C-alpha atoms as a PDB file:
ATOM      1  CA  MET A   1     -13.275   9.268  14.809  1.00  0.00           C
ATOM      2  CA  LYS A   2     -14.156   5.827  16.747  1.00  0.00           C
ATOM      3  CA  VAL A   3     -12.550   2.875  15.026  1.00  0.00           C
ATOM      4  CA  GLY A   4     -12.271  -0.697  15.854  1.00  0.00           C
ATOM      5  CA  CYS A   5      -8.890  -2.556  14.719  1.00  0.00           C
ATOM      6  CA  ILE A   6      -8.774  -5.809  13.149  1.00  0.00           C
ATOM      7  CA  GLY A   7      -5.597  -8.121  12.242  1.00  0.00           C
ATOM      8  CA  ILE A   8      -3.528  -7.125  15.025  1.00  0.00           C
ATOM      9  CA  GLY A   9       0.303  -7.263  13.650  1.00  0.00           C
ATOM     10  CA  TRP A  10       3.487  -4.783  13.522  1.00  0.00           C
ATOM     11  CA  TRP A  11       1.204  -2.889  10.944  1.00  0.00           C
ATOM     12  CA  SER A  12      -1.456  -2.395  13.229  1.00  0.00           C
ATOM     13  CA  ASP A  13       0.795  -0.680  15.701  1.00  0.00           C
ATOM     14  CA  VAL A  14       2.482   1.454  12.791  1.00  0.00           C
ATOM     15  CA  LEU A  15      -1.167   2.705  11.972  1.00  0.00           C
ATOM     16  CA  ALA A  16      -2.583   2.627  15.755  1.00  0.00           C
ATOM     17  CA  ASP A  17       0.833   5.117  16.249  1.00  0.00           C
ATOM     18  CA  ALA A  18      -0.250   7.286  13.551  1.00  0.00           C
ATOM     19  CA  MET A  19      -3.698   7.691  14.857  1.00  0.00           C
ATOM     20  CA  GLN A  20      -2.373   8.731  18.121  1.00  0.00           C
ATOM     21  CA  ARG A  21      -0.205  11.536  16.598  1.00  0.00           C
ATOM     22  CA  SER A  22      -3.348  12.860  14.709  1.00  0.00           C
ATOM     23  CA  GLY A  23      -5.322  12.907  18.096  1.00  0.00           C
ATOM     24  CA  LYS A  24      -8.541  12.647  15.705  1.00  0.00           C
ATOM     25  CA  PHE A  25      -8.946   8.721  16.485  1.00  0.00           C
ATOM     26  CA  THR A  26     -10.397   7.030  19.258  1.00  0.00           C
ATOM     27  CA  ILE A  27      -9.501   3.232  18.983  1.00  0.00           C
ATOM     28  CA  ALA A  28     -12.716   1.753  20.913  1.00  0.00           C
ATOM     29  CA  ALA A  29     -11.994  -2.111  20.155  1.00  0.00           C
ATOM     30  CA  CYS A  30      -9.716  -4.808  18.518  1.00  0.00           C
ATOM     31  CA  TYR A  31      -9.569  -8.151  17.415  1.00  0.00           C
ATOM     32  CA  SER A  32      -7.271 -10.886  16.296  1.00  0.00           C
ATOM     33  CA  ARG A  33      -7.988 -14.842  16.147  1.00  0.00           C
ATOM     34  CA  SER A  34      -4.592 -14.518  18.585  1.00  0.00           C
ATOM     35  CA  ALA A  35      -6.262 -13.560  22.195  1.00  0.00           C
ATOM     36  CA  ASP A  36      -2.393 -12.628  23.422  1.00  0.00           C
ATOM     37  CA  LYS A  37      -1.941 -10.318  20.201  1.00  0.00           C
ATOM     38  CA  ARG A  38      -5.141  -8.778  20.889  1.00  0.00           C
ATOM     39  CA  GLN A  39      -4.699  -8.346  24.308  1.00  0.00           C
ATOM     40  CA  LYS A  40      -1.522  -6.765  24.050  1.00  0.00           C
ATOM     41  CA  PHE A  41      -2.795  -4.230  21.318  1.00  0.00           C
ATOM     42  CA  ALA A  42      -5.949  -3.482  23.791  1.00  0.00           C
ATOM     43  CA  THR A  43      -3.537  -2.640  26.800  1.00  0.00           C
ATOM     44  CA  LYS A  44      -0.754  -0.637  24.935  1.00  0.00           C
ATOM     45  CA  TYR A  45      -3.431   1.542  23.255  1.00  0.00           C
ATOM     46  CA  GLY A  46      -6.395   1.347  26.088  1.00  0.00           C
ATOM     47  CA  CYS A  47      -8.766  -0.096  23.749  1.00  0.00           C
ATOM     48  CA  ARG A  48     -11.743  -3.334  24.455  1.00  0.00           C
ATOM     49  CA  ALA A  49     -10.147  -6.552  23.403  1.00  0.00           C
ATOM     50  CA  ALA A  50     -13.156  -7.987  21.589  1.00  0.00           C
ATOM     51  CA  SER A  51     -13.868 -11.684  21.648  1.00  0.00           C
ATOM     52  CA  SER A  52     -14.730 -11.575  18.162  1.00  0.00           C
ATOM     53  CA  TYR A  53     -14.948  -9.722  14.801  1.00  0.00           C
ATOM     54  CA  GLU A  54     -18.660  -9.760  15.254  1.00  0.00           C
ATOM     55  CA  GLU A  55     -18.733  -7.987  18.203  1.00  0.00           C
ATOM     56  CA  VAL A  56     -16.699  -5.304  16.875  1.00  0.00           C
ATOM     57  CA  LEU A  57     -19.040  -5.024  13.911  1.00  0.00           C
ATOM     58  CA  ALA A  58     -21.939  -5.112  16.352  1.00  0.00           C
ATOM     59  CA  ASP A  59     -20.723  -1.919  18.072  1.00  0.00           C
ATOM     60  CA  ARG A  60     -22.711   0.988  17.180  1.00  0.00           C
ATOM     61  CA  THR A  61     -20.704   3.903  18.469  1.00  0.00           C
ATOM     62  CA  ILE A  62     -17.940   2.603  15.961  1.00  0.00           C
ATOM     63  CA  GLU A  63     -17.732   4.260  12.921  1.00  0.00           C
ATOM     64  CA  ALA A  64     -15.101   2.666  10.656  1.00  0.00           C
ATOM     65  CA  ILE A  65     -12.858  -0.543  10.697  1.00  0.00           C
ATOM     66  CA  ILE A  66      -9.144  -0.294  10.288  1.00  0.00           C
ATOM     67  CA  ASN A  67      -8.206  -3.575   8.463  1.00  0.00           C
ATOM     68  CA  THR A  68      -4.715  -5.184   8.466  1.00  0.00           C
ATOM     69  CA  THR A  69      -5.602  -8.775   8.276  1.00  0.00           C
ATOM     70  CA  PRO A  70      -3.846 -11.168   5.463  1.00  0.00           C
ATOM     71  CA  ASN A  71      -4.608 -10.643   1.803  1.00  0.00           C
ATOM     72  CA  GLY A  72      -6.337 -13.537   1.492  1.00  0.00           C
ATOM     73  CA  VAL A  73      -9.039 -12.573   3.925  1.00  0.00           C
ATOM     74  CA  HIS A  74      -9.649  -9.085   2.746  1.00  0.00           C
ATOM     75  CA  LYS A  75     -13.050  -9.580   0.956  1.00  0.00           C
ATOM     76  CA  GLU A  76     -14.691 -11.382   3.541  1.00  0.00           C
ATOM     77  CA  THR A  77     -13.668  -9.087   6.313  1.00  0.00           C
ATOM     78  CA  THR A  78     -14.342  -5.928   4.270  1.00  0.00           C
ATOM     79  CA  ILE A  79     -17.540  -7.060   2.909  1.00  0.00           C
ATOM     80  CA  ALA A  80     -18.460  -7.788   6.904  1.00  0.00           C
ATOM     81  CA  ALA A  81     -17.839  -4.295   7.543  1.00  0.00           C
ATOM     82  CA  ALA A  82     -19.690  -2.870   4.766  1.00  0.00           C
ATOM     83  CA  ARG A  83     -23.134  -4.976   5.496  1.00  0.00           C
ATOM     84  CA  ALA A  84     -22.254  -3.521   9.176  1.00  0.00           C
ATOM     85  CA  GLY A  85     -22.393   0.196   7.521  1.00  0.00           C
ATOM     86  CA  LYS A  86     -18.759   0.621   8.741  1.00  0.00           C
ATOM     87  CA  HIS A  87     -16.625   2.707   6.358  1.00  0.00           C
ATOM     88  CA  VAL A  88     -12.884   0.654   5.818  1.00  0.00           C
ATOM     89  CA  PHE A  89      -9.223   1.669   5.875  1.00  0.00           C
ATOM     90  CA  LEU A  90      -7.644  -1.632   4.359  1.00  0.00           C
ATOM     91  CA  ASP A  91      -3.873  -1.411   3.909  1.00  0.00           C
ATOM     92  CA  LYS A  92      -2.391  -2.481   0.191  1.00  0.00           C
ATOM     93  CA  PRO A  93      -2.763  -4.695  -1.624  1.00  0.00           C
ATOM     94  CA  ILE A  94      -6.559  -4.651  -1.913  1.00  0.00           C
ATOM     95  CA  ALA A  95      -6.382  -8.270  -2.391  1.00  0.00           C
ATOM     96  CA  ASN A  96      -5.004 -11.537  -3.947  1.00  0.00           C
ATOM     97  CA  THR A  97      -6.881 -11.613  -6.907  1.00  0.00           C
ATOM     98  CA  ILE A  98      -9.043  -9.126  -8.805  1.00  0.00           C
ATOM     99  CA  ALA A  99     -12.327 -10.794  -8.605  1.00  0.00           C
ATOM    100  CA  ASP A 100     -11.983 -10.383  -4.721  1.00  0.00           C
ATOM    101  CA  ALA A 101     -10.811  -6.524  -5.308  1.00  0.00           C
ATOM    102  CA  ARG A 102     -13.990  -6.172  -7.164  1.00  0.00           C
ATOM    103  CA  ALA A 103     -16.182  -8.033  -4.843  1.00  0.00           C
ATOM    104  CA  LEU A 104     -14.908  -5.682  -1.762  1.00  0.00           C
ATOM    105  CA  THR A 105     -15.067  -2.909  -3.640  1.00  0.00           C
ATOM    106  CA  ASP A 106     -18.977  -3.159  -4.737  1.00  0.00           C
ATOM    107  CA  ALA A 107     -19.853  -4.108  -1.388  1.00  0.00           C
ATOM    108  CA  CYS A 108     -18.669  -0.867  -0.098  1.00  0.00           C
ATOM    109  CA  ARG A 109     -20.473   0.747  -2.517  1.00  0.00           C
ATOM    110  CA  GLN A 110     -23.512  -0.692  -2.432  1.00  0.00           C
ATOM    111  CA  ALA A 111     -23.657  -0.380   1.077  1.00  0.00           C
ATOM    112  CA  GLY A 112     -22.782   3.597   1.194  1.00  0.00           C
ATOM    113  CA  VAL A 113     -19.478   3.225   3.061  1.00  0.00           C
ATOM    114  CA  VAL A 114     -16.207   4.542   2.107  1.00  0.00           C
ATOM    115  CA  LEU A 115     -13.149   2.345   1.254  1.00  0.00           C
ATOM    116  CA  ALA A 116     -10.097   3.391   1.086  1.00  0.00           C
ATOM    117  CA  LEU A 117      -6.580   1.588   0.496  1.00  0.00           C
ATOM    118  CA  GLY A 118      -3.400   2.584   2.367  1.00  0.00           C
ATOM    119  CA  TYR A 119      -0.443   3.664   0.089  1.00  0.00           C
ATOM    120  CA  GLN A 120       1.148   5.930   2.225  1.00  0.00           C
ATOM    121  CA  ARG A 121       4.455   6.121   0.284  1.00  0.00           C
ATOM    122  CA  ARG A 122       2.842   8.087  -2.682  1.00  0.00           C
ATOM    123  CA  ARG A 123       2.395  11.088  -0.262  1.00  0.00           C
ATOM    124  CA  GLU A 124       5.645  11.493   0.622  1.00  0.00           C
ATOM    125  CA  ALA A 125       6.799  15.387   0.175  1.00  0.00           C
ATOM    126  CA  HIS A 126       9.871  14.336  -2.237  1.00  0.00           C
ATOM    127  CA  PHE A 127       7.220  12.294  -4.455  1.00  0.00           C
ATOM    128  CA  ARG A 128       4.735  14.494  -4.376  1.00  0.00           C
ATOM    129  CA  TRP A 129       7.068  17.371  -5.863  1.00  0.00           C
ATOM    130  CA  VAL A 130       8.362  14.975  -8.763  1.00  0.00           C
ATOM    131  CA  LYS A 131       4.343  14.951  -9.680  1.00  0.00           C
ATOM    132  CA  GLN A 132       3.621  18.298  -9.028  1.00  0.00           C
ATOM    133  CA  HIS A 133       6.226  19.258 -11.500  1.00  0.00           C
ATOM    134  CA  LEU A 134       5.776  16.421 -14.311  1.00  0.00           C
ATOM    135  CA  ALA A 135       5.031  19.256 -16.877  1.00  0.00           C
ATOM    136  CA  GLU A 136       8.499  20.765 -16.652  1.00  0.00           C
ATOM    137  CA  PHE A 137      10.060  17.057 -17.530  1.00  0.00           C
ATOM    138  CA  GLY A 138       9.438  17.438 -21.107  1.00  0.00           C
ATOM    139  CA  ARG A 139       8.203  13.695 -22.371  1.00  0.00           C
ATOM    140  CA  LEU A 140       8.956  11.419 -20.133  1.00  0.00           C
ATOM    141  CA  VAL A 141      11.025   8.401 -21.414  1.00  0.00           C
ATOM    142  CA  ASN A 142      12.513   6.208 -18.578  1.00  0.00           C
ATOM    143  CA  GLY A 143      11.635   5.528 -14.831  1.00  0.00           C
ATOM    144  CA  GLU A 144      13.258   2.971 -12.200  1.00  0.00           C
ATOM    145  CA  ALA A 145      12.231   2.268  -8.610  1.00  0.00           C
ATOM    146  CA  ASN A 146      13.587  -0.151  -5.750  1.00  0.00           C
ATOM    147  CA  ILE A 147      12.655  -0.633  -2.572  1.00  0.00           C
ATOM    148  CA  SER A 148      14.725  -3.116  -0.793  1.00  0.00           C
ATOM    149  CA  ARG A 149      14.204  -4.544   2.950  1.00  0.00           C
ATOM    150  CA  ASP A 150      16.135  -6.933   5.252  1.00  0.00           C
ATOM    151  CA  ARG A 151      13.243  -9.569   6.428  1.00  0.00           C
ATOM    152  CA  LEU A 152      15.822 -12.344   7.344  1.00  0.00           C
ATOM    153  CA  GLY A 153      14.607 -13.757  10.957  1.00  0.00           C
ATOM    154  CA  LYS A 154      12.471 -10.797  11.290  1.00  0.00           C
ATOM    155  CA  ILE A 155       9.068 -12.506  10.303  1.00  0.00           C
ATOM    156  CA  ASP A 156       7.883 -15.365  12.362  1.00  0.00           C
ATOM    157  CA  LEU A 157       7.660 -18.466   9.938  1.00  0.00           C
ATOM    158  CA  ALA A 158       4.323 -19.123  10.429  1.00  0.00           C
ATOM    159  CA  SER A 159       3.269 -15.771   9.183  1.00  0.00           C
ATOM    160  CA  TRP A 160       1.508 -15.574   5.829  1.00  0.00           C
ATOM    161  CA  ARG A 161       3.977 -13.340   4.447  1.00  0.00           C
ATOM    162  CA  TYR A 162       6.323 -16.495   3.719  1.00  0.00           C
ATOM    163  CA  SER A 163       3.925 -17.938   1.552  1.00  0.00           C
ATOM    164  CA  ALA A 164       3.516 -17.170  -2.222  1.00  0.00           C
ATOM    165  CA  ALA A 165      -0.341 -16.831  -3.062  1.00  0.00           C
ATOM    166  CA  GLY A 166       1.528   0.296 -16.615  1.00  0.00           C
ATOM    167  CA  LYS A 167      -0.324  -1.068 -19.429  1.00  0.00           C
ATOM    168  CA  ALA A 168       2.191  -4.419 -20.198  1.00  0.00           C
ATOM    169  CA  VAL A 169       4.178  -5.944 -17.967  1.00  0.00           C
ATOM    170  CA  SER A 170       7.291  -8.395 -18.266  1.00  0.00           C
ATOM    171  CA  GLY A 171       8.459  -9.885 -14.650  1.00  0.00           C
ATOM    172  CA  HIS A 172      11.525 -11.596 -12.983  1.00  0.00           C
ATOM    173  CA  LEU A 173      11.292 -13.474  -9.476  1.00  0.00           C
ATOM    174  CA  ALA A 174      13.705 -15.110  -7.527  1.00  0.00           C
ATOM    175  CA  GLN A 175      14.130 -16.824  -3.657  1.00  0.00           C
ATOM    176  CA  LEU A 176      17.552 -16.692  -2.643  1.00  0.00           C
ATOM    177  CA  VAL A 177      17.310 -16.018   0.808  1.00  0.00           C
ATOM    178  CA  LEU A 178      14.323 -16.128   2.430  1.00  0.00           C
ATOM    179  CA  PRO A 179      12.610 -19.512   4.044  1.00  0.00           C
ATOM    180  CA  GLY A 180       8.995 -20.541   2.882  1.00  0.00           C
ATOM    181  CA  ASP A 181       7.956 -20.740  -0.790  1.00  0.00           C
ATOM    182  CA  ASN A 182       7.333 -16.745  -1.451  1.00  0.00           C
ATOM    183  CA  PRO A 183      10.094 -15.074  -3.986  1.00  0.00           C
ATOM    184  CA  ASP A 184      12.174 -12.341  -1.992  1.00  0.00           C
ATOM    185  CA  VAL A 185      13.750 -10.641  -5.272  1.00  0.00           C
ATOM    186  CA  ALA A 186      11.540  -9.317  -8.292  1.00  0.00           C
ATOM    187  CA  SER A 187      12.012  -7.513 -11.196  1.00  0.00           C
ATOM    188  CA  LEU A 188       9.621  -5.679 -13.626  1.00  0.00           C
ATOM    189  CA  ILE A 189       9.567  -4.139 -16.485  1.00  0.00           C
ATOM    190  CA  LEU A 190       6.472  -1.975 -17.251  1.00  0.00           C
ATOM    191  CA  GLU A 191       5.593  -0.524 -20.833  1.00  0.00           C
ATOM    192  CA  HIS A 192       3.744   2.726 -20.355  1.00  0.00           C
ATOM    193  CA  GLU A 193       0.962   4.520 -22.460  1.00  0.00           C
ATOM    194  CA  ASN A 194       3.262   6.792 -23.873  1.00  0.00           C
ATOM    195  CA  GLY A 195       5.815   4.373 -24.991  1.00  0.00           C
ATOM    196  CA  ALA A 196       8.171   4.894 -22.068  1.00  0.00           C
ATOM    197  CA  LEU A 197       9.545   2.480 -20.220  1.00  0.00           C
ATOM    198  CA  SER A 198      10.459   1.761 -16.443  1.00  0.00           C
ATOM    199  CA  THR A 199      11.631  -0.781 -14.005  1.00  0.00           C
ATOM    200  CA  LEU A 200      10.431  -1.850 -10.543  1.00  0.00           C
ATOM    201  CA  ASN A 201      12.899  -3.812  -8.202  1.00  0.00           C
ATOM    202  CA  ALA A 202      12.182  -5.408  -4.994  1.00  0.00           C
ATOM    203  CA  SER A 203      13.927  -7.419  -2.091  1.00  0.00           C
ATOM    204  CA  TYR A 204      13.177  -8.872   0.984  1.00  0.00           C
ATOM    205  CA  ALA A 205      16.407 -10.123   1.273  1.00  0.00           C
ATOM    206  CA  SER A 206      19.004  -6.966   0.809  1.00  0.00           C
ATOM    207  CA  ALA A 207      21.512  -5.935   3.590  1.00  0.00           C
ATOM    208  CA  SER A 208      19.183  -3.249   5.113  1.00  0.00           C
ATOM    209  CA  GLU A 209      16.520  -0.950   3.941  1.00  0.00           C
ATOM    210  CA  TYR A 210      16.314   1.485   0.944  1.00  0.00           C
ATOM    211  CA  TYR A 211      14.268   3.230  -1.463  1.00  0.00           C
ATOM    212  CA  LEU A 212      15.149   4.811  -4.897  1.00  0.00           C
ATOM    213  CA  LEU A 213      12.630   6.513  -7.678  1.00  0.00           C
ATOM    214  CA  ASN A 214      14.554   8.065 -10.954  1.00  0.00           C
ATOM    215  CA  ILE A 215      12.222   9.748 -13.600  1.00  0.00           C
ATOM    216  CA  TYR A 216      14.064   9.881 -16.842  1.00  0.00           C
ATOM    217  CA  GLY A 217      12.498  13.291 -18.867  1.00  0.00           C
ATOM    218  CA  LYS A 218      13.547  15.173 -22.145  1.00  0.00           C
ATOM    219  CA  GLU A 219      14.317  18.255 -20.631  1.00  0.00           C
ATOM    220  CA  ARG A 220      14.612  17.080 -16.927  1.00  0.00           C
ATOM    221  CA  THR A 221      15.602  14.273 -14.719  1.00  0.00           C
ATOM    222  CA  ALA A 222      14.793  13.768 -11.176  1.00  0.00           C
ATOM    223  CA  TYR A 223      16.654  11.544  -8.548  1.00  0.00           C
ATOM    224  CA  TYR A 224      15.588  10.233  -5.200  1.00  0.00           C
ATOM    225  CA  ASP A 225      17.035   7.875  -2.983  1.00  0.00           C
ATOM    226  CA  MET A 226      16.409   7.687   1.298  1.00  0.00           C
ATOM    227  CA  HIS A 227      19.967   8.443   1.805  1.00  0.00           C
ATOM    228  CA  SER A 228      20.872  11.483  -0.304  1.00  0.00           C
ATOM    229  CA  GLY A 229      16.912  12.950  -0.772  1.00  0.00           C
ATOM    230  CA  LEU A 230      15.558  14.374  -3.949  1.00  0.00           C
ATOM    231  CA  ARG A 231      18.128  16.150  -6.721  1.00  0.00           C
ATOM    232  CA  VAL A 232      16.854  17.385 -10.278  1.00  0.00           C
ATOM    233  CA  LEU A 233      19.024  17.897 -13.237  1.00  0.00           C
ATOM    234  CA  ARG A 234      18.020  20.338 -16.216  1.00  0.00           C
ATOM    235  CA  ARG A 235      18.774  19.714 -19.609  1.00  0.00           C
ATOM    236  CA  GLY A 236      22.089  21.662 -20.005  1.00  0.00           C
ATOM    237  CA  ALA A 237      23.266  21.769 -16.359  1.00  0.00           C
ATOM    238  CA  ALA A 238      26.494  20.355 -15.057  1.00  0.00           C
ATOM    239  CA  LYS A 239      24.942  18.775 -11.734  1.00  0.00           C
ATOM    240  CA  ALA A 240      22.102  18.181 -10.272  1.00  0.00           C
ATOM    241  CA  VAL A 241      20.514  20.368  -7.714  1.00  0.00           C
ATOM    242  CA  ALA A 242      19.161  19.393  -4.124  1.00  0.00           C
ATOM    243  CA  VAL A 243      15.569  19.934  -3.945  1.00  0.00           C
ATOM    244  CA  PRO A 244      14.853  20.795  -0.367  1.00  0.00           C
ATOM    245  CA  CYS A 245      11.306  19.040   0.834  1.00  0.00           C
ATOM    246  CA  VAL A 246       9.484  19.646   4.048  1.00  0.00           C
ATOM    247  CA  GLU A 247       9.061  16.075   6.155  1.00  0.00           C
ATOM    248  CA  THR A 248       5.478  14.947   6.389  1.00  0.00           C
ATOM    249  CA  ASP A 249       3.466  12.418   8.011  1.00  0.00           C
ATOM    250  CA  PRO A 250       2.257  10.094   5.062  1.00  0.00           C
ATOM    251  CA  ILE A 251       0.159   7.447   7.547  1.00  0.00           C
ATOM    252  CA  VAL A 252      -1.471  10.374   9.486  1.00  0.00           C
ATOM    253  CA  GLU A 253      -2.167  12.177   5.990  1.00  0.00           C
ATOM    254  CA  GLU A 254      -4.241   9.306   4.633  1.00  0.00           C
ATOM    255  CA  LEU A 255      -5.918   7.956   7.837  1.00  0.00           C
ATOM    256  CA  GLU A 256      -7.353  11.929   8.091  1.00  0.00           C
ATOM    257  CA  GLU A 257      -8.384  11.997   4.524  1.00  0.00           C
ATOM    258  CA  PHE A 258      -9.901   8.733   5.308  1.00  0.00           C
ATOM    259  CA  MET A 259     -11.864  10.001   8.107  1.00  0.00           C
ATOM    260  CA  ARG A 260     -12.655  12.951   6.015  1.00  0.00           C
ATOM    261  CA  ALA A 261     -14.188  11.357   3.355  1.00  0.00           C
ATOM    262  CA  ALA A 262     -16.165   8.920   5.519  1.00  0.00           C
ATOM    263  CA  ARG A 263     -17.908  12.124   7.205  1.00  0.00           C
ATOM    264  CA  GLY A 264     -19.075  13.336   3.730  1.00  0.00           C
ATOM    265  CA  ASP A 265     -15.804  15.780   2.750  1.00  0.00           C
ATOM    266  CA  GLY A 266     -14.185  14.643  -0.489  1.00  0.00           C
ATOM    267  CA  GLU A 267     -12.711  11.142  -1.361  1.00  0.00           C
ATOM    268  CA  PRO A 268      -9.991   9.081  -0.799  1.00  0.00           C
ATOM    269  CA  GLU A 269      -7.026   9.270  -3.200  1.00  0.00           C
ATOM    270  CA  MET A 270      -6.609   5.721  -3.406  1.00  0.00           C
ATOM    271  CA  ASP A 271     -10.072   4.231  -3.561  1.00  0.00           C
ATOM    272  CA  GLY A 272     -11.242   0.563  -4.308  1.00  0.00           C
ATOM    273  CA  GLU A 273     -11.012   1.018  -8.384  1.00  0.00           C
ATOM    274  CA  LYS A 274      -7.438   2.677  -8.252  1.00  0.00           C
ATOM    275  CA  SER A 275      -6.353  -0.069  -5.988  1.00  0.00           C
ATOM    276  CA  THR A 276      -7.459  -3.002  -8.344  1.00  0.00           C
ATOM    277  CA  ALA A 277      -5.599  -1.506 -11.076  1.00  0.00           C
ATOM    278  CA  SER A 278      -2.510  -1.153  -9.301  1.00  0.00           C
ATOM    279  CA  LEU A 279      -3.224  -5.063  -8.127  1.00  0.00           C
ATOM    280  CA  ALA A 280      -3.310  -5.571 -11.859  1.00  0.00           C
ATOM    281  CA  VAL A 281       0.200  -3.854 -12.185  1.00  0.00           C
ATOM    282  CA  ILE A 282       1.507  -6.967  -9.825  1.00  0.00           C
ATOM    283  CA  LEU A 283      -0.255  -9.968 -10.974  1.00  0.00           C
ATOM    284  CA  ALA A 284       0.880  -9.145 -14.652  1.00  0.00           C
ATOM    285  CA  GLY A 285       4.485  -9.190 -13.288  1.00  0.00           C
ATOM    286  CA  ILE A 286       3.259 -12.421 -11.383  1.00  0.00           C
ATOM    287  CA  LYS A 287       2.193 -14.003 -14.788  1.00  0.00           C
ATOM    288  CA  SER A 288       5.083 -12.710 -16.941  1.00  0.00           C
ATOM    289  CA  ALA A 289       7.615 -14.447 -14.550  1.00  0.00           C
ATOM    290  CA  ARG A 290       5.783 -17.784 -14.372  1.00  0.00           C
ATOM    291  CA  GLU A 291       4.835 -18.123 -18.089  1.00  0.00           C
ATOM    292  CA  GLY A 292       8.008 -16.313 -19.407  1.00  0.00           C
ATOM    293  CA  ARG A 293       5.979 -13.925 -21.603  1.00  0.00           C
ATOM    294  CA  ARG A 294       4.948 -10.184 -22.034  1.00  0.00           C
ATOM    295  CA  VAL A 295       1.466  -9.694 -20.172  1.00  0.00           C
ATOM    296  CA  THR A 296      -0.729  -6.613 -20.650  1.00  0.00           C
ATOM    297  CA  VAL A 297      -2.805  -5.486 -17.833  1.00  0.00           C
ATOM    298  CA  ALA A 298      -5.830  -5.107 -19.669  1.00  0.00           C
ATOM    299  CA  GLU A 299      -5.789  -9.360 -19.572  1.00  0.00           C
ATOM    300  CA  ILE A 300      -5.299  -9.411 -16.258  1.00  0.00           C
ATOM    301  CA  LEU A 301      -8.182  -6.762 -15.640  1.00  0.00           C
ATOM    302  CA  ASN A 302     -10.332  -8.319 -18.361  1.00  0.00           C
END
């Protein structure tokens, strides 16, 4: 698949590296408002540094746009791609607002192009294993997840990332370490349709990178963290048992799925509608934190 990359930054390199590992993509052109960034990317990946986004869209040999622009311009850049007949791979979140998410989703649908969203971690083997075996857990009662990273001094102060822009969610936010006006610590409590509760904690101000997901069921519980791997505890067992999981390449997997969908073979796992629902959960948490009340996801979607 021949693609154009826009919004050059560290994540565009991650995706470009994955496309090279795949061997099924050709990066034909790139564009960033920063001439220095686009030239460095073009040199690194052997593509053309376009002088404008319009130049990339006008190239009829380019089938798709890999869009890693800031969240606030996802709508305009994706709609422009759709109108040019280009399929779009857009990294999460889909947008900053539900209105923008729906607008870009509708534009892709009306243009008959594929819109796929990058949610690579859901594809990791340990999380796939848990999902595939959920029926063995009995009634699900609780879950907890944590994603923590150290971003102090690792993002340019001019970066957009330093600016603030379930069924029901309660949230709390704090700004403790990082500069700017964007909270660097968040905690959400999610209420699920079956009555279960789960918590999501995230931090950009911790000592190091860390991921955790624990799923508690009446018959089984799964424990995962990035240092110890996946373990499962069965009712009545004395201790949890390690579950071997084959290492996969989730970013290559999602990009190749996008390529197949663009060529008429299947649908992307995370499309515009599902990604809009995902955004609604986060927005519900933000609204809850700001207003000090429980917020339903339906309120955000409606």
